[in-house]
Amino acid sequence: MAVQIGNIDLGEFPLLLAPMEDVSDPPFRYVCKQYGADMMYTEFISSEGLIRDAAKSRAKLDIFEYERPIGIQIFGSDINSMRTATEIATLAGPDLMDINYGCPVKNVACRGAGASLLQDIDKMVAMTKAVVEATHLPVTVKTRLGWDDNTKNVYEVAERLQDVGIKALTIHGRTRAQMYKGEADWTLIREIKKNPRVQIPIFGNGDIDSPEKAANWRLEYGTDGMMIGRAAIGYPWIFREIKHFFATGEHREKPTIAERIDACKTHLDKSIEWKGPKTGIFEMRRHYSNYFKGLDNFKEFRMRMVSTENIEELHEILWQINEKYSEAMA
């Protein structure tokens, strides 16, 4: 049975790309879409930044037709600001609006936004209701199990947010106190999915990093789909590999050197196209080691790539990588 969010049909078991700060920009999303991401989200956007018309926040509203379906994710601590930011973001034409109640980092959670709202469920519900009423688009939420091990309250959160109109819920299997450490625990996610009161799609997030784990956890926890974040950084092929494993029970071949280079080059070119040469080249530097992880003696190439500001030179280095490693693996 297809998973529906409002009038968005996501197929039988969708794989979602997580919204990741300084990662999930349009160039990265382009590559992930090519390799099978079913739905994607923008980087999270500050409601206050949108209201102030901050350039960085406004730039994150950029979405493109090839990305659909796509959601704009916002965060904030003030209900009125979130309402106004929703109205602004709706005008950008996304397919849905998403609220971040999961970000654990200090400068978000300690300012009353993100995962901080897990300490004040009444305020979270009121904020969600305000967002739902401010847009004609489906509204979804991403959150965590709770603030810490003593306050795992996402079971209550799921029911109450559904009651004020959200159309899907993604749950990261960690508390805010855990940050990104330890192992994700999906047992409470399974309980929420089994709750007869909860009728909206429930997506699990956290530690999905292989086709086997995705297949095993699909059976074990019974979610409607999965959201993948860090495992897709430098490895957008994870989406197609998981889908292939679901369909056949077999592993798809790993990407060749040529495929890695092609994906990296596409990402680089899209980054330059969207951000301009200077920023586009600079912000790609964080991705090179991920695209070529596991290659012996790659440090020399990486150092050259992160030290040049010349597009042609970067393309030349990628050609040299292809020459060297294609021969070595032949």
C-alpha atoms as a PDB file:
ATOM      1  CA  MET A   1       0.000   0.000   0.000  1.00  0.00           C
ATOM      2  CA  ALA A   2       1.369   3.410  -0.971  1.00  0.00           C
ATOM      3  CA  VAL A   3       2.331   5.866   1.754  1.00  0.00           C
ATOM      4  CA  GLN A   4       0.443   9.151   1.497  1.00  0.00           C
ATOM      5  CA  ILE A   5       1.244  12.532   3.023  1.00  0.00           C
ATOM      6  CA  GLY A   6      -1.732  14.679   2.141  1.00  0.00           C
ATOM      7  CA  ASN A   7      -2.021  14.224  -1.624  1.00  0.00           C
ATOM      8  CA  ILE A   8       1.655  13.212  -2.016  1.00  0.00           C
ATOM      9  CA  ASP A   9       2.076   9.591  -3.086  1.00  0.00           C
ATOM     10  CA  LEU A  10       5.451   8.252  -1.905  1.00  0.00           C
ATOM     11  CA  GLY A  11       5.145   4.642  -3.002  1.00  0.00           C
ATOM     12  CA  GLU A  12       5.183   1.534  -0.861  1.00  0.00           C
ATOM     13  CA  PHE A  13       8.153   2.143   1.465  1.00  0.00           C
ATOM     14  CA  PRO A  14       9.749   5.537   0.838  1.00  0.00           C
ATOM     15  CA  LEU A  15      13.346   6.426   1.626  1.00  0.00           C
ATOM     16  CA  LEU A  16      13.650  10.038   2.736  1.00  0.00           C
ATOM     17  CA  LEU A  17      16.751  12.216   2.727  1.00  0.00           C
ATOM     18  CA  ALA A  18      17.188  13.875   6.106  1.00  0.00           C
ATOM     19  CA  PRO A  19      17.528  17.631   6.424  1.00  0.00           C
ATOM     20  CA  MET A  20      21.152  18.225   7.471  1.00  0.00           C
ATOM     21  CA  GLU A  21      22.613  21.628   8.220  1.00  0.00           C
ATOM     22  CA  ASP A  22      25.387  22.616   5.800  1.00  0.00           C
ATOM     23  CA  VAL A  23      24.805  19.408   3.829  1.00  0.00           C
ATOM     24  CA  SER A  24      21.267  19.134   2.415  1.00  0.00           C
ATOM     25  CA  ASP A  25      21.533  22.014  -0.024  1.00  0.00           C
ATOM     26  CA  PRO A  26      20.255  21.849  -3.634  1.00  0.00           C
ATOM     27  CA  PRO A  27      23.530  20.468  -5.114  1.00  0.00           C
ATOM     28  CA  PHE A  28      23.616  17.601  -2.610  1.00  0.00           C
ATOM     29  CA  ARG A  29      19.893  16.969  -3.026  1.00  0.00           C
ATOM     30  CA  TYR A  30      20.337  16.785  -6.807  1.00  0.00           C
ATOM     31  CA  VAL A  31      22.798  13.908  -6.468  1.00  0.00           C
ATOM     32  CA  CYS A  32      20.666  12.047  -3.900  1.00  0.00           C
ATOM     33  CA  LYS A  33      17.589  12.376  -6.109  1.00  0.00           C
ATOM     34  CA  GLN A  34      19.508  10.824  -9.001  1.00  0.00           C
ATOM     35  CA  TYR A  35      20.231   7.764  -6.901  1.00  0.00           C
ATOM     36  CA  GLY A  36      16.787   7.105  -5.503  1.00  0.00           C
ATOM     37  CA  ALA A  37      15.780   9.412  -2.640  1.00  0.00           C
ATOM     38  CA  ASP A  38      11.951   9.438  -2.662  1.00  0.00           C
ATOM     39  CA  MET A  39      11.473  12.667  -0.734  1.00  0.00           C
ATOM     40  CA  MET A  40      13.883  15.326   0.474  1.00  0.00           C
ATOM     41  CA  TYR A  41      13.963  18.336   2.766  1.00  0.00           C
ATOM     42  CA  THR A  42      15.817  21.620   2.798  1.00  0.00           C
ATOM     43  CA  GLU A  43      18.353  22.367   5.468  1.00  0.00           C
ATOM     44  CA  PHE A  44      16.504  23.596   8.523  1.00  0.00           C
ATOM     45  CA  ILE A  45      15.685  27.295   8.311  1.00  0.00           C
ATOM     46  CA  SER A  46      15.420  29.741  11.183  1.00  0.00           C
ATOM     47  CA  SER A  47      11.975  31.294  11.492  1.00  0.00           C
ATOM     48  CA  GLU A  48      13.558  34.480  12.833  1.00  0.00           C
ATOM     49  CA  GLY A  49      15.967  34.530   9.892  1.00  0.00           C
ATOM     50  CA  LEU A  50      13.097  34.344   7.417  1.00  0.00           C
ATOM     51  CA  ILE A  51      11.234  37.148   9.128  1.00  0.00           C
ATOM     52  CA  ARG A  52      14.359  39.355   9.149  1.00  0.00           C
ATOM     53  CA  ASP A  53      14.882  38.460   5.481  1.00  0.00           C
ATOM     54  CA  ALA A  54      18.390  37.194   6.278  1.00  0.00           C
ATOM     55  CA  ALA A  55      20.194  36.248   3.069  1.00  0.00           C
ATOM     56  CA  LYS A  56      21.337  32.843   4.339  1.00  0.00           C
ATOM     57  CA  SER A  57      17.833  31.870   5.448  1.00  0.00           C
ATOM     58  CA  ARG A  58      16.236  33.121   2.204  1.00  0.00           C
ATOM     59  CA  ALA A  59      18.751  31.174   0.092  1.00  0.00           C
ATOM     60  CA  LYS A  60      17.664  27.956   1.800  1.00  0.00           C
ATOM     61  CA  LEU A  61      14.176  28.438   0.358  1.00  0.00           C
ATOM     62  CA  ASP A  62      15.508  27.667  -3.141  1.00  0.00           C
ATOM     63  CA  ILE A  63      13.852  24.542  -4.494  1.00  0.00           C
ATOM     64  CA  PHE A  64      13.737  23.104  -8.007  1.00  0.00           C
ATOM     65  CA  GLU A  65      11.194  21.081  -9.958  1.00  0.00           C
ATOM     66  CA  TYR A  66      13.449  18.007 -10.208  1.00  0.00           C
ATOM     67  CA  GLU A  67      13.518  17.768  -6.403  1.00  0.00           C
ATOM     68  CA  ARG A  68       9.821  17.145  -5.914  1.00  0.00           C
ATOM     69  CA  PRO A  69       8.361  16.074  -3.644  1.00  0.00           C
ATOM     70  CA  ILE A  70      10.300  18.305  -1.266  1.00  0.00           C
ATOM     71  CA  GLY A  71       9.597  19.851   2.125  1.00  0.00           C
ATOM     72  CA  ILE A  72      10.873  23.065   3.661  1.00  0.00           C
ATOM     73  CA  GLN A  73      11.900  22.556   7.281  1.00  0.00           C
ATOM     74  CA  ILE A  74      11.710  25.436   9.754  1.00  0.00           C
ATOM     75  CA  PHE A  75      12.610  25.821  13.419  1.00  0.00           C
ATOM     76  CA  GLY A  76      12.109  28.434  16.095  1.00  0.00           C
ATOM     77  CA  SER A  77      11.116  29.156  19.670  1.00  0.00           C
ATOM     78  CA  ASP A  78       8.366  31.746  19.190  1.00  0.00           C
ATOM     79  CA  ILE A  79       4.921  30.661  18.053  1.00  0.00           C
ATOM     80  CA  ASN A  80       4.063  33.873  16.208  1.00  0.00           C
ATOM     81  CA  SER A  81       7.400  33.837  14.409  1.00  0.00           C
ATOM     82  CA  MET A  82       6.838  30.242  13.330  1.00  0.00           C
ATOM     83  CA  ARG A  83       3.403  31.167  12.003  1.00  0.00           C
ATOM     84  CA  THR A  84       4.820  34.062   9.959  1.00  0.00           C
ATOM     85  CA  ALA A  85       7.780  31.978   8.743  1.00  0.00           C
ATOM     86  CA  THR A  86       5.355  29.296   7.570  1.00  0.00           C
ATOM     87  CA  GLU A  87       3.488  31.846   5.473  1.00  0.00           C
ATOM     88  CA  ILE A  88       6.776  33.045   3.931  1.00  0.00           C
ATOM     89  CA  ALA A  89       8.029  29.519   3.243  1.00  0.00           C
ATOM     90  CA  THR A  90       4.711  28.460   1.713  1.00  0.00           C
ATOM     91  CA  LEU A  91       5.170  31.112  -0.973  1.00  0.00           C
ATOM     92  CA  ALA A  92       8.354  29.312  -2.107  1.00  0.00           C
ATOM     93  CA  GLY A  93       6.136  26.503  -3.411  1.00  0.00           C
ATOM     94  CA  PRO A  94       7.262  23.359  -1.547  1.00  0.00           C
ATOM     95  CA  ASP A  95       5.135  20.224  -1.403  1.00  0.00           C
ATOM     96  CA  LEU A  96       4.970  20.245   2.385  1.00  0.00           C
ATOM     97  CA  MET A  97       6.130  22.079   5.496  1.00  0.00           C
ATOM     98  CA  ASP A  98       8.193  20.334   8.153  1.00  0.00           C
ATOM     99  CA  ILE A  99       8.887  21.443  11.720  1.00  0.00           C
ATOM    100  CA  ASN A 100      12.175  20.615  13.418  1.00  0.00           C
ATOM    101  CA  TYR A 101      11.681  19.496  17.003  1.00  0.00           C
ATOM    102  CA  GLY A 102      14.773  17.317  16.981  1.00  0.00           C
ATOM    103  CA  CYS A 103      17.922  19.407  16.506  1.00  0.00           C
ATOM    104  CA  PRO A 104      20.087  18.805  19.605  1.00  0.00           C
ATOM    105  CA  VAL A 105      22.870  21.342  19.065  1.00  0.00           C
ATOM    106  CA  LYS A 106      23.449  23.890  21.784  1.00  0.00           C
ATOM    107  CA  ASN A 107      22.766  27.096  19.857  1.00  0.00           C
ATOM    108  CA  VAL A 108      19.345  25.735  18.821  1.00  0.00           C
ATOM    109  CA  ALA A 109      18.130  23.563  21.696  1.00  0.00           C
ATOM    110  CA  CYS A 110      19.371  25.919  24.415  1.00  0.00           C
ATOM    111  CA  ARG A 111      17.506  28.818  22.829  1.00  0.00           C
ATOM    112  CA  GLY A 112      14.136  27.160  23.101  1.00  0.00           C
ATOM    113  CA  ALA A 113      13.960  25.657  19.587  1.00  0.00           C
ATOM    114  CA  GLY A 114      14.553  22.224  18.044  1.00  0.00           C
ATOM    115  CA  ALA A 115      14.672  19.414  20.599  1.00  0.00           C
ATOM    116  CA  SER A 116      14.089  21.927  23.408  1.00  0.00           C
ATOM    117  CA  LEU A 117      10.352  21.765  22.691  1.00  0.00           C
ATOM    118  CA  LEU A 118      10.387  18.164  23.963  1.00  0.00           C
ATOM    119  CA  GLN A 119      10.544  19.762  27.428  1.00  0.00           C
ATOM    120  CA  ASP A 120       7.323  21.684  26.848  1.00  0.00           C
ATOM    121  CA  ILE A 121       4.793  19.529  25.000  1.00  0.00           C
ATOM    122  CA  ASP A 122       1.970  22.036  25.444  1.00  0.00           C
ATOM    123  CA  LYS A 123       4.005  24.713  23.685  1.00  0.00           C
ATOM    124  CA  MET A 124       5.024  22.216  20.982  1.00  0.00           C
ATOM    125  CA  VAL A 125       1.367  21.408  20.334  1.00  0.00           C
ATOM    126  CA  ALA A 126       0.385  25.084  20.221  1.00  0.00           C
ATOM    127  CA  MET A 127       3.249  25.879  17.844  1.00  0.00           C
ATOM    128  CA  THR A 128       2.362  22.980  15.575  1.00  0.00           C
ATOM    129  CA  LYS A 129      -1.281  24.031  15.492  1.00  0.00           C
ATOM    130  CA  ALA A 130      -0.228  27.555  14.486  1.00  0.00           C
ATOM    131  CA  VAL A 131       1.919  26.203  11.629  1.00  0.00           C
ATOM    132  CA  VAL A 132      -0.845  23.886  10.406  1.00  0.00           C
ATOM    133  CA  GLU A 133      -3.312  26.778  10.345  1.00  0.00           C
ATOM    134  CA  ALA A 134      -0.863  29.077   8.525  1.00  0.00           C
ATOM    135  CA  THR A 135      -0.527  26.956   5.371  1.00  0.00           C
ATOM    136  CA  HIS A 136      -2.593  24.949   2.911  1.00  0.00           C
ATOM    137  CA  LEU A 137       0.280  22.454   2.613  1.00  0.00           C
ATOM    138  CA  PRO A 138       0.586  19.200   4.565  1.00  0.00           C
ATOM    139  CA  VAL A 139       2.643  19.713   7.729  1.00  0.00           C
ATOM    140  CA  THR A 140       5.022  17.069   9.047  1.00  0.00           C
ATOM    141  CA  VAL A 141       7.307  16.933  12.078  1.00  0.00           C
ATOM    142  CA  LYS A 142      10.748  15.530  12.849  1.00  0.00           C
ATOM    143  CA  THR A 143      11.629  14.927  16.487  1.00  0.00           C
ATOM    144  CA  ARG A 144      13.447  12.636  18.917  1.00  0.00           C
ATOM    145  CA  LEU A 145      12.467  10.119  21.600  1.00  0.00           C
ATOM    146  CA  GLY A 146      12.594  12.782  24.298  1.00  0.00           C
ATOM    147  CA  TRP A 147      14.941  15.188  26.048  1.00  0.00           C
ATOM    148  CA  ASP A 148      16.766  12.462  27.998  1.00  0.00           C
ATOM    149  CA  ASP A 149      16.303   8.897  29.207  1.00  0.00           C
ATOM    150  CA  ASN A 150      13.960  10.061  31.970  1.00  0.00           C
ATOM    151  CA  THR A 151      11.620  11.947  29.639  1.00  0.00           C
ATOM    152  CA  LYS A 152      11.000   9.800  26.569  1.00  0.00           C
ATOM    153  CA  ASN A 153       7.652  11.389  25.748  1.00  0.00           C
ATOM    154  CA  VAL A 154       7.406  10.923  21.980  1.00  0.00           C
ATOM    155  CA  TYR A 155       4.477   8.510  22.389  1.00  0.00           C
ATOM    156  CA  GLU A 156       2.396  11.377  23.769  1.00  0.00           C
ATOM    157  CA  VAL A 157       3.872  13.750  21.185  1.00  0.00           C
ATOM    158  CA  ALA A 158       2.743  11.523  18.304  1.00  0.00           C
ATOM    159  CA  GLU A 159      -0.874  11.435  19.462  1.00  0.00           C
ATOM    160  CA  ARG A 160      -1.152  15.114  20.301  1.00  0.00           C
ATOM    161  CA  LEU A 161       0.527  16.385  17.138  1.00  0.00           C
ATOM    162  CA  GLN A 162      -1.660  14.135  15.024  1.00  0.00           C
ATOM    163  CA  ASP A 163      -4.683  15.621  16.784  1.00  0.00           C
ATOM    164  CA  VAL A 164      -3.726  19.155  15.698  1.00  0.00           C
ATOM    165  CA  GLY A 165      -3.281  18.129  12.091  1.00  0.00           C
ATOM    166  CA  ILE A 166       0.200  16.900  11.169  1.00  0.00           C
ATOM    167  CA  LYS A 167       0.244  14.426   8.289  1.00  0.00           C
ATOM    168  CA  ALA A 168       3.414  12.423   9.112  1.00  0.00           C
ATOM    169  CA  LEU A 169       5.996  12.076  11.867  1.00  0.00           C
ATOM    170  CA  THR A 170       9.691  11.214  11.626  1.00  0.00           C
ATOM    171  CA  ILE A 171      11.356  10.037  14.831  1.00  0.00           C
ATOM    172  CA  HIS A 172      15.104   9.914  15.389  1.00  0.00           C
ATOM    173  CA  GLY A 173      15.809   7.005  17.719  1.00  0.00           C
ATOM    174  CA  ARG A 174      17.880   9.002  20.206  1.00  0.00           C
ATOM    175  CA  THR A 175      17.181  11.516  22.956  1.00  0.00           C
ATOM    176  CA  ARG A 176      18.533  15.046  22.868  1.00  0.00           C
ATOM    177  CA  ALA A 177      21.004  14.112  25.629  1.00  0.00           C
ATOM    178  CA  GLN A 178      22.501  11.444  23.367  1.00  0.00           C
ATOM    179  CA  MET A 179      23.162  13.936  20.576  1.00  0.00           C
ATOM    180  CA  TYR A 180      24.461  11.581  17.826  1.00  0.00           C
ATOM    181  CA  LYS A 181      26.288   9.191  20.149  1.00  0.00           C
ATOM    182  CA  GLY A 182      25.499   5.599  21.033  1.00  0.00           C
ATOM    183  CA  GLU A 183      23.088   3.459  19.064  1.00  0.00           C
ATOM    184  CA  ALA A 184      19.681   4.569  17.871  1.00  0.00           C
ATOM    185  CA  ASP A 185      16.828   2.783  19.644  1.00  0.00           C
ATOM    186  CA  TRP A 186      13.784   2.195  17.447  1.00  0.00           C
ATOM    187  CA  THR A 187      11.723   0.205  19.972  1.00  0.00           C
ATOM    188  CA  LEU A 188       9.592   3.192  20.981  1.00  0.00           C
ATOM    189  CA  ILE A 189       9.134   4.056  17.299  1.00  0.00           C
ATOM    190  CA  ARG A 190       7.677   0.569  16.838  1.00  0.00           C
ATOM    191  CA  GLU A 191       5.286   1.104  19.759  1.00  0.00           C
ATOM    192  CA  ILE A 192       4.041   4.337  18.231  1.00  0.00           C
ATOM    193  CA  LYS A 193       3.520   2.653  14.868  1.00  0.00           C
ATOM    194  CA  LYS A 194       1.482  -0.058  16.600  1.00  0.00           C
ATOM    195  CA  ASN A 195      -0.643   2.471  18.509  1.00  0.00           C
ATOM    196  CA  PRO A 196      -4.157   2.212  17.000  1.00  0.00           C
ATOM    197  CA  ARG A 197      -4.702   5.903  17.784  1.00  0.00           C
ATOM    198  CA  VAL A 198      -1.927   6.910  15.411  1.00  0.00           C
ATOM    199  CA  GLN A 199      -3.052   6.834  11.776  1.00  0.00           C
ATOM    200  CA  ILE A 200      -0.417   9.058  10.144  1.00  0.00           C
ATOM    201  CA  PRO A 201       2.748   7.636   8.513  1.00  0.00           C
ATOM    202  CA  ILE A 202       5.630   7.055  10.927  1.00  0.00           C
ATOM    203  CA  PHE A 203       9.192   7.203   9.615  1.00  0.00           C
ATOM    204  CA  GLY A 204      12.230   5.954  11.505  1.00  0.00           C
ATOM    205  CA  ASN A 205      15.558   7.745  11.490  1.00  0.00           C
ATOM    206  CA  GLY A 206      18.955   6.938  12.944  1.00  0.00           C
ATOM    207  CA  ASP A 207      21.794   4.544  12.051  1.00  0.00           C
ATOM    208  CA  ILE A 208      20.448   3.232   8.731  1.00  0.00           C
ATOM    209  CA  ASP A 209      23.758   2.684   6.971  1.00  0.00           C
ATOM    210  CA  SER A 210      23.426  -0.547   4.974  1.00  0.00           C
ATOM    211  CA  PRO A 211      20.876  -2.470   2.888  1.00  0.00           C
ATOM    212  CA  GLU A 212      20.850  -5.346   5.405  1.00  0.00           C
ATOM    213  CA  LYS A 213      20.076  -3.081   8.330  1.00  0.00           C
ATOM    214  CA  ALA A 214      17.364  -1.315   6.356  1.00  0.00           C
ATOM    215  CA  ALA A 215      15.732  -4.637   5.436  1.00  0.00           C
ATOM    216  CA  ASN A 216      16.025  -6.068   8.949  1.00  0.00           C
ATOM    217  CA  TRP A 217      14.713  -2.935  10.646  1.00  0.00           C
ATOM    218  CA  ARG A 218      11.872  -2.631   8.140  1.00  0.00           C
ATOM    219  CA  LEU A 219      10.650  -6.035   9.323  1.00  0.00           C
ATOM    220  CA  GLU A 220      11.500  -5.571  12.989  1.00  0.00           C
ATOM    221  CA  TYR A 221      10.061  -2.097  13.571  1.00  0.00           C
ATOM    222  CA  GLY A 222       7.283  -1.862  10.985  1.00  0.00           C
ATOM    223  CA  THR A 223       7.686   1.806  10.064  1.00  0.00           C
ATOM    224  CA  ASP A 224       6.108   3.258   6.924  1.00  0.00           C
ATOM    225  CA  GLY A 225       9.492   4.315   5.585  1.00  0.00           C
ATOM    226  CA  MET A 226      12.954   5.420   6.637  1.00  0.00           C
ATOM    227  CA  MET A 227      14.870   8.668   6.714  1.00  0.00           C
ATOM    228  CA  ILE A 228      18.570   8.489   5.929  1.00  0.00           C
ATOM    229  CA  GLY A 229      21.033  11.211   6.861  1.00  0.00           C
ATOM    230  CA  ARG A 230      24.733  10.798   7.546  1.00  0.00           C
ATOM    231  CA  ALA A 231      25.050   7.545   5.585  1.00  0.00           C
ATOM    232  CA  ALA A 232      24.179   9.446   2.383  1.00  0.00           C
ATOM    233  CA  ILE A 233      26.979  11.989   2.763  1.00  0.00           C
ATOM    234  CA  GLY A 234      29.457  11.139   0.028  1.00  0.00           C
ATOM    235  CA  TYR A 235      27.476   7.971  -0.669  1.00  0.00           C
ATOM    236  CA  PRO A 236      24.169   8.852  -2.365  1.00  0.00           C
ATOM    237  CA  TRP A 237      24.066   5.322  -3.796  1.00  0.00           C
ATOM    238  CA  ILE A 238      22.735   4.052  -0.474  1.00  0.00           C
ATOM    239  CA  PHE A 239      19.174   4.763  -1.641  1.00  0.00           C
ATOM    240  CA  ARG A 240      19.389   2.611  -4.771  1.00  0.00           C
ATOM    241  CA  GLU A 241      21.319  -0.105  -2.927  1.00  0.00           C
ATOM    242  CA  ILE A 242      18.622  -0.401  -0.260  1.00  0.00           C
ATOM    243  CA  LYS A 243      15.860  -0.488  -2.888  1.00  0.00           C
ATOM    244  CA  HIS A 244      17.708  -3.152  -4.855  1.00  0.00           C
ATOM    245  CA  PHE A 245      18.132  -5.255  -1.704  1.00  0.00           C
ATOM    246  CA  PHE A 246      14.439  -4.874  -0.858  1.00  0.00           C
ATOM    247  CA  ALA A 247      13.482  -6.054  -4.343  1.00  0.00           C
ATOM    248  CA  THR A 248      15.957  -8.906  -4.805  1.00  0.00           C
ATOM    249  CA  GLY A 249      17.494  -9.830  -1.450  1.00  0.00           C
ATOM    250  CA  GLU A 250      20.855  -9.347  -3.111  1.00  0.00           C
ATOM    251  CA  HIS A 251      23.499  -6.665  -3.001  1.00  0.00           C
ATOM    252  CA  ARG A 252      23.902  -4.323  -5.895  1.00  0.00           C
ATOM    253  CA  GLU A 253      27.472  -3.777  -7.009  1.00  0.00           C
ATOM    254  CA  LYS A 254      29.237  -0.900  -5.292  1.00  0.00           C
ATOM    255  CA  PRO A 255      29.800   2.250  -7.361  1.00  0.00           C
ATOM    256  CA  THR A 256      32.842   2.160  -9.601  1.00  0.00           C
ATOM    257  CA  ILE A 257      35.571   4.765  -9.491  1.00  0.00           C
ATOM    258  CA  ALA A 258      34.012   6.321 -12.581  1.00  0.00           C
ATOM    259  CA  GLU A 259      30.629   6.557 -10.827  1.00  0.00           C
ATOM    260  CA  ARG A 260      32.186   8.119  -7.727  1.00  0.00           C
ATOM    261  CA  ILE A 261      33.947  10.702  -9.858  1.00  0.00           C
ATOM    262  CA  ASP A 262      30.829  11.414 -11.887  1.00  0.00           C
ATOM    263  CA  ALA A 263      28.741  11.980  -8.730  1.00  0.00           C
ATOM    264  CA  CYS A 264      31.432  14.159  -7.171  1.00  0.00           C
ATOM    265  CA  LYS A 265      31.814  16.204 -10.361  1.00  0.00           C
ATOM    266  CA  THR A 266      28.049  16.650 -10.678  1.00  0.00           C
ATOM    267  CA  HIS A 267      27.880  17.772  -7.047  1.00  0.00           C
ATOM    268  CA  LEU A 268      30.763  20.201  -7.624  1.00  0.00           C
ATOM    269  CA  ASP A 269      29.287  21.646 -10.817  1.00  0.00           C
ATOM    270  CA  LYS A 270      25.849  22.090  -9.218  1.00  0.00           C
ATOM    271  CA  SER A 271      27.487  23.723  -6.193  1.00  0.00           C
ATOM    272  CA  ILE A 272      29.264  26.247  -8.425  1.00  0.00           C
ATOM    273  CA  GLU A 273      26.102  26.819 -10.454  1.00  0.00           C
ATOM    274  CA  TRP A 274      24.015  27.561  -7.354  1.00  0.00           C
ATOM    275  CA  LYS A 275      26.516  29.341  -5.097  1.00  0.00           C
ATOM    276  CA  GLY A 276      28.954  30.871  -7.552  1.00  0.00           C
ATOM    277  CA  PRO A 277      32.548  29.739  -8.159  1.00  0.00           C
ATOM    278  CA  LYS A 278      34.180  30.995  -4.965  1.00  0.00           C
ATOM    279  CA  THR A 279      31.633  29.734  -2.429  1.00  0.00           C
ATOM    280  CA  GLY A 280      30.705  26.687  -4.502  1.00  0.00           C
ATOM    281  CA  ILE A 281      34.286  25.436  -4.635  1.00  0.00           C
ATOM    282  CA  PHE A 282      34.991  26.274  -0.996  1.00  0.00           C
ATOM    283  CA  GLU A 283      31.901  24.514   0.384  1.00  0.00           C
ATOM    284  CA  MET A 284      32.540  21.359  -1.653  1.00  0.00           C
ATOM    285  CA  ARG A 285      35.775  20.770   0.229  1.00  0.00           C
ATOM    286  CA  ARG A 286      33.982  19.022   3.065  1.00  0.00           C
ATOM    287  CA  HIS A 287      32.660  16.359   0.673  1.00  0.00           C
ATOM    288  CA  TYR A 288      35.746  15.055  -1.148  1.00  0.00           C
ATOM    289  CA  SER A 289      36.998  12.641   1.511  1.00  0.00           C
ATOM    290  CA  ASN A 290      33.504  11.123   1.760  1.00  0.00           C
ATOM    291  CA  TYR A 291      33.166  10.503  -1.975  1.00  0.00           C
ATOM    292  CA  PHE A 292      36.522   8.719  -2.078  1.00  0.00           C
ATOM    293  CA  LYS A 293      36.500   7.026   1.312  1.00  0.00           C
ATOM    294  CA  GLY A 294      38.494   3.811   1.392  1.00  0.00           C
ATOM    295  CA  LEU A 295      40.849   4.583  -1.491  1.00  0.00           C
ATOM    296  CA  ASP A 296      44.481   3.872  -0.655  1.00  0.00           C
ATOM    297  CA  ASN A 297      46.874   6.812  -0.622  1.00  0.00           C
ATOM    298  CA  PHE A 298      44.157   9.328  -1.453  1.00  0.00           C
ATOM    299  CA  LYS A 299      45.452  12.051   0.878  1.00  0.00           C
ATOM    300  CA  GLU A 300      47.610  13.687  -1.809  1.00  0.00           C
ATOM    301  CA  PHE A 301      44.636  14.110  -4.131  1.00  0.00           C
ATOM    302  CA  ARG A 302      42.432  15.421  -1.328  1.00  0.00           C
ATOM    303  CA  MET A 303      45.018  17.997  -0.289  1.00  0.00           C
ATOM    304  CA  ARG A 304      45.251  19.237  -3.851  1.00  0.00           C
ATOM    305  CA  MET A 305      41.472  19.441  -4.169  1.00  0.00           C
ATOM    306  CA  VAL A 306      40.971  21.425  -0.979  1.00  0.00           C
ATOM    307  CA  SER A 307      43.763  23.868  -1.797  1.00  0.00           C
ATOM    308  CA  THR A 308      42.748  24.938  -5.300  1.00  0.00           C
ATOM    309  CA  GLU A 309      40.148  27.510  -6.286  1.00  0.00           C
ATOM    310  CA  ASN A 310      40.288  26.690  -9.993  1.00  0.00           C
ATOM    311  CA  ILE A 311      37.417  24.767 -11.593  1.00  0.00           C
ATOM    312  CA  GLU A 312      39.508  23.414 -14.464  1.00  0.00           C
ATOM    313  CA  GLU A 313      42.173  22.187 -12.049  1.00  0.00           C
ATOM    314  CA  LEU A 314      39.554  20.378  -9.980  1.00  0.00           C
ATOM    315  CA  HIS A 315      38.242  18.662 -13.107  1.00  0.00           C
ATOM    316  CA  GLU A 316      41.823  17.709 -14.010  1.00  0.00           C
ATOM    317  CA  ILE A 317      42.413  16.208 -10.549  1.00  0.00           C
ATOM    318  CA  LEU A 318      39.214  14.164 -10.878  1.00  0.00           C
ATOM    319  CA  TRP A 319      40.460  12.881 -14.247  1.00  0.00           C
ATOM    320  CA  GLN A 320      43.774  11.897 -12.622  1.00  0.00           C
ATOM    321  CA  ILE A 321      41.942  10.067  -9.827  1.00  0.00           C
ATOM    322  CA  ASN A 322      40.038   8.118 -12.461  1.00  0.00           C
ATOM    323  CA  GLU A 323      43.254   7.227 -14.287  1.00  0.00           C
ATOM    324  CA  LYS A 324      45.072   6.064 -11.169  1.00  0.00           C
ATOM    325  CA  TYR A 325      42.357   4.089  -9.399  1.00  0.00           C
ATOM    326  CA  SER A 326      40.692   2.614 -12.475  1.00  0.00           C
ATOM    327  CA  GLU A 327      44.018   1.035 -13.393  1.00  0.00           C
ATOM    328  CA  ALA A 328      44.699  -0.097  -9.836  1.00  0.00           C
ATOM    329  CA  MET A 329      41.323  -1.834  -9.566  1.00  0.00           C
ATOM    330  CA  ALA A 330      41.290  -3.303 -13.062  1.00  0.00           C
END
